[in-house]
């Protein structure tokens, strides 16, 4: 019974993932950071220098990365969606 409950929980998390092709397509160059986070949620990791920053949602195998200049989308990329 425990294994079944765990399996259901894991499947429900996967179904709720915001890392989808549809969400990726909604992100547009020039979009505000707040708009991106309303689609994808808070990023898993961000880094950069000066007014340039890249934020990633996901892991090495499956992710969306958005590059910002200030708080505007400058670039986007995906892997494994």
N, C-alpha and C. Protein backbone atom coordinates (compact mmCIF):
# COMPACT_ATOMS: atom_id res chain seq x y z
N UNK A 1 0.82 -1.19 0.00
CA UNK A 1 0.00 0.00 0.00
C UNK A 1 0.87 1.26 0.00
N UNK A 2 1.97 1.23 0.75
CA UNK A 2 2.87 2.38 0.78
C UNK A 2 3.48 2.68 -0.58
N UNK A 3 3.86 1.62 -1.30
CA UNK A 3 4.45 1.81 -2.62
C UNK A 3 3.45 2.42 -3.58
N UNK A 4 2.20 2.00 -3.48
CA UNK A 4 1.16 2.56 -4.35
C UNK A 4 0.97 4.05 -4.06
N UNK A 5 0.90 4.41 -2.79
CA UNK A 5 0.73 5.81 -2.40
C UNK A 5 1.92 6.65 -2.88
N UNK A 6 3.13 6.13 -2.75
CA UNK A 6 4.32 6.84 -3.20
C UNK A 6 4.31 7.01 -4.72
N UNK A 7 3.92 5.99 -5.43
CA UNK A 7 3.85 6.05 -6.89
C UNK A 7 2.84 7.11 -7.34
N UNK A 8 1.70 7.15 -6.69
CA UNK A 8 0.67 8.14 -7.02
C UNK A 8 1.19 9.54 -6.75
N UNK A 9 1.86 9.72 -5.63
CA UNK A 9 2.43 11.03 -5.29
C UNK A 9 3.44 11.48 -6.34
N UNK A 10 4.33 10.60 -6.74
CA UNK A 10 5.36 10.94 -7.73
C UNK A 10 4.72 11.29 -9.07
N UNK A 11 3.73 10.54 -9.48
CA UNK A 11 3.04 10.83 -10.73
C UNK A 11 2.31 12.16 -10.67
N UNK A 12 1.73 12.48 -9.53
CA UNK A 12 1.03 13.76 -9.41
C UNK A 12 2.00 14.93 -9.48
N UNK A 13 3.21 14.77 -8.94
CA UNK A 13 4.22 15.82 -9.06
C UNK A 13 4.64 16.02 -10.50
N UNK A 14 4.82 14.94 -11.22
CA UNK A 14 5.22 15.03 -12.62
C UNK A 14 4.13 15.70 -13.45
N UNK A 15 2.88 15.41 -13.15
CA UNK A 15 1.77 16.00 -13.88
C UNK A 15 1.67 17.50 -13.62
N UNK A 16 2.12 17.97 -12.47
CA UNK A 16 2.04 19.37 -12.10
C UNK A 16 3.25 20.17 -12.57
N UNK A 17 4.19 19.55 -13.20
CA UNK A 17 5.41 20.24 -13.62
C UNK A 17 5.07 21.37 -14.57
N UNK A 18 5.74 22.48 -14.37
CA UNK A 18 5.56 23.63 -15.23
C UNK A 18 6.56 23.61 -16.39
N UNK A 19 7.40 22.58 -16.45
CA UNK A 19 8.37 22.44 -17.52
C UNK A 19 7.72 21.75 -18.71
N UNK A 20 6.93 22.51 -19.45
CA UNK A 20 6.23 21.96 -20.61
C UNK A 20 6.54 22.78 -21.85
N UNK A 21 6.36 22.19 -22.99
CA UNK A 21 6.54 22.89 -24.26
C UNK A 21 5.58 24.08 -24.36
N UNK A 22 4.35 23.89 -23.92
CA UNK A 22 3.38 24.99 -23.96
C UNK A 22 3.83 26.17 -23.12
N UNK A 23 4.33 25.92 -21.92
CA UNK A 23 4.81 27.03 -21.08
C UNK A 23 6.04 27.69 -21.70
N UNK A 24 6.92 26.89 -22.29
CA UNK A 24 8.11 27.44 -22.96
C UNK A 24 7.69 28.39 -24.09
N UNK A 25 6.70 27.99 -24.86
CA UNK A 25 6.23 28.82 -25.98
C UNK A 25 5.61 30.13 -25.52
N UNK A 26 5.09 30.18 -24.30
CA UNK A 26 4.49 31.41 -23.78
C UNK A 26 5.52 32.48 -23.44
N UNK A 27 6.76 32.08 -23.23
CA UNK A 27 7.82 33.03 -22.87
C UNK A 27 8.28 33.74 -24.13
N UNK A 28 8.25 35.07 -24.09
CA UNK A 28 8.61 35.87 -25.26
C UNK A 28 9.73 36.85 -24.93
N UNK A 29 10.55 37.14 -25.93
CA UNK A 29 11.61 38.14 -25.78
C UNK A 29 10.96 39.47 -25.38
N UNK A 30 11.55 40.14 -24.38
CA UNK A 30 11.01 41.41 -23.91
C UNK A 30 10.03 41.30 -22.76
N UNK A 31 9.62 40.07 -22.45
CA UNK A 31 8.67 39.84 -21.36
C UNK A 31 9.31 40.19 -20.02
N UNK A 32 8.53 40.68 -19.07
CA UNK A 32 9.01 40.97 -17.72
C UNK A 32 9.30 39.69 -16.95
N UNK A 33 10.25 39.76 -16.03
CA UNK A 33 10.60 38.63 -15.16
C UNK A 33 9.36 38.13 -14.40
N UNK A 34 8.54 39.05 -13.93
CA UNK A 34 7.32 38.66 -13.18
C UNK A 34 6.40 37.80 -14.04
N UNK A 35 6.29 38.14 -15.33
CA UNK A 35 5.44 37.36 -16.23
C UNK A 35 5.99 35.94 -16.40
N UNK A 36 7.32 35.84 -16.55
CA UNK A 36 7.94 34.52 -16.69
C UNK A 36 7.68 33.68 -15.44
N UNK A 37 7.88 34.29 -14.26
CA UNK A 37 7.69 33.55 -13.02
C UNK A 37 6.22 33.23 -12.77
N UNK A 38 5.30 33.97 -13.35
CA UNK A 38 3.89 33.60 -13.23
C UNK A 38 3.58 32.35 -14.05
N UNK A 39 4.39 32.11 -15.07
CA UNK A 39 4.22 30.91 -15.91
C UNK A 39 4.98 29.72 -15.32
N UNK A 40 6.24 29.93 -14.94
CA UNK A 40 7.13 28.83 -14.53
C UNK A 40 7.31 28.70 -13.02
N UNK A 41 6.91 29.70 -12.25
CA UNK A 41 7.18 29.69 -10.82
C UNK A 41 8.57 30.24 -10.55
N UNK A 42 9.02 30.12 -9.32
CA UNK A 42 10.35 30.61 -8.95
C UNK A 42 11.42 29.73 -9.60
N UNK A 43 12.51 30.33 -10.09
CA UNK A 43 13.57 29.54 -10.71
C UNK A 43 14.32 28.69 -9.69
N UNK A 44 14.92 27.62 -10.19
CA UNK A 44 15.73 26.75 -9.34
C UNK A 44 17.12 27.32 -9.12
N UNK A 45 17.59 28.11 -10.09
CA UNK A 45 18.95 28.66 -10.00
C UNK A 45 19.06 29.90 -10.88
N UNK A 46 19.77 30.91 -10.40
CA UNK A 46 20.05 32.12 -11.18
C UNK A 46 21.50 32.52 -10.96
N UNK A 47 22.08 33.12 -11.97
CA UNK A 47 23.44 33.63 -11.84
C UNK A 47 23.74 34.61 -12.95
N UNK A 48 24.68 35.49 -12.73
CA UNK A 48 25.05 36.44 -13.75
C UNK A 48 25.92 37.53 -13.19
N UNK A 49 26.08 38.57 -14.00
CA UNK A 49 26.90 39.71 -13.59
C UNK A 49 26.30 40.98 -14.17
N UNK A 50 26.53 42.08 -13.45
CA UNK A 50 26.02 43.38 -13.84
C UNK A 50 24.50 43.30 -14.04
N UNK A 51 24.00 43.71 -15.18
CA UNK A 51 22.55 43.67 -15.38
C UNK A 51 22.10 42.45 -16.19
N UNK A 52 23.02 41.51 -16.44
CA UNK A 52 22.68 40.29 -17.17
C UNK A 52 22.59 39.12 -16.20
N UNK A 53 21.56 38.31 -16.37
CA UNK A 53 21.34 37.16 -15.49
C UNK A 53 20.67 36.04 -16.27
N UNK A 54 20.99 34.80 -15.94
CA UNK A 54 20.33 33.64 -16.52
C UNK A 54 19.72 32.84 -15.37
N UNK A 55 18.47 32.45 -15.54
CA UNK A 55 17.77 31.64 -14.54
C UNK A 55 17.32 30.34 -15.18
N UNK A 56 17.40 29.27 -14.41
CA UNK A 56 17.06 27.94 -14.90
C UNK A 56 15.99 27.30 -14.02
N UNK A 57 15.06 26.65 -14.67
CA UNK A 57 14.03 25.84 -14.02
C UNK A 57 14.28 24.41 -14.45
N UNK A 58 14.43 23.49 -13.51
CA UNK A 58 14.66 22.09 -13.84
C UNK A 58 16.05 21.63 -13.46
N UNK A 59 16.54 20.60 -14.16
CA UNK A 59 17.84 20.00 -13.86
C UNK A 59 18.66 19.87 -15.14
N UNK A 60 19.79 19.16 -15.07
CA UNK A 60 20.67 19.04 -16.24
C UNK A 60 20.01 18.34 -17.42
N UNK A 61 19.08 17.42 -17.15
CA UNK A 61 18.46 16.63 -18.21
C UNK A 61 17.23 17.27 -18.82
N UNK A 62 16.54 18.07 -18.03
CA UNK A 62 15.27 18.64 -18.48
C UNK A 62 15.13 20.02 -17.86
N UNK A 63 15.22 21.05 -18.70
CA UNK A 63 15.16 22.40 -18.13
C UNK A 63 14.74 23.46 -19.14
N UNK A 64 14.40 24.62 -18.59
CA UNK A 64 14.19 25.84 -19.35
C UNK A 64 15.13 26.88 -18.74
N UNK A 65 15.86 27.58 -19.59
CA UNK A 65 16.75 28.64 -19.15
C UNK A 65 16.32 29.94 -19.82
N UNK A 66 16.22 30.99 -19.02
CA UNK A 66 15.84 32.30 -19.53
C UNK A 66 16.94 33.29 -19.18
N UNK A 67 17.40 34.03 -20.19
CA UNK A 67 18.40 35.07 -19.99
C UNK A 67 17.72 36.42 -19.89
N UNK A 68 18.15 37.21 -18.93
CA UNK A 68 17.56 38.54 -18.71
C UNK A 68 18.60 39.63 -18.88
N UNK A 69 18.17 40.76 -19.40
CA UNK A 69 18.92 42.01 -19.37
C UNK A 69 18.05 42.94 -18.56
N UNK A 70 18.53 43.31 -17.38
CA UNK A 70 17.65 44.00 -16.44
C UNK A 70 16.59 43.00 -15.99
N UNK A 71 15.35 43.35 -16.13
CA UNK A 71 14.27 42.42 -15.79
C UNK A 71 13.46 42.01 -17.02
N UNK A 72 14.09 42.09 -18.20
CA UNK A 72 13.41 41.73 -19.45
C UNK A 72 14.08 40.51 -20.08
N UNK A 73 13.25 39.62 -20.65
CA UNK A 73 13.78 38.42 -21.31
C UNK A 73 14.61 38.82 -22.53
N UNK A 74 15.83 38.33 -22.56
CA UNK A 74 16.76 38.58 -23.67
C UNK A 74 16.89 37.32 -24.53
N UNK A 75 16.81 36.14 -23.87
CA UNK A 75 16.96 34.87 -24.60
C UNK A 75 16.25 33.77 -23.82
N UNK A 76 16.02 32.65 -24.49
CA UNK A 76 15.44 31.48 -23.84
C UNK A 76 15.94 30.23 -24.53
N UNK A 77 16.05 29.15 -23.77
CA UNK A 77 16.45 27.86 -24.33
C UNK A 77 15.80 26.76 -23.52
N UNK A 78 15.78 25.56 -24.09
CA UNK A 78 15.15 24.42 -23.44
C UNK A 78 15.94 23.16 -23.72
N UNK A 79 15.72 22.16 -22.88
CA UNK A 79 16.33 20.85 -23.10
C UNK A 79 15.42 19.80 -22.50
N UNK A 80 15.14 18.76 -23.25
CA UNK A 80 14.43 17.60 -22.74
C UNK A 80 12.93 17.75 -22.55
N UNK A 81 12.32 18.77 -23.12
CA UNK A 81 10.87 18.94 -22.95
C UNK A 81 10.11 18.06 -23.90
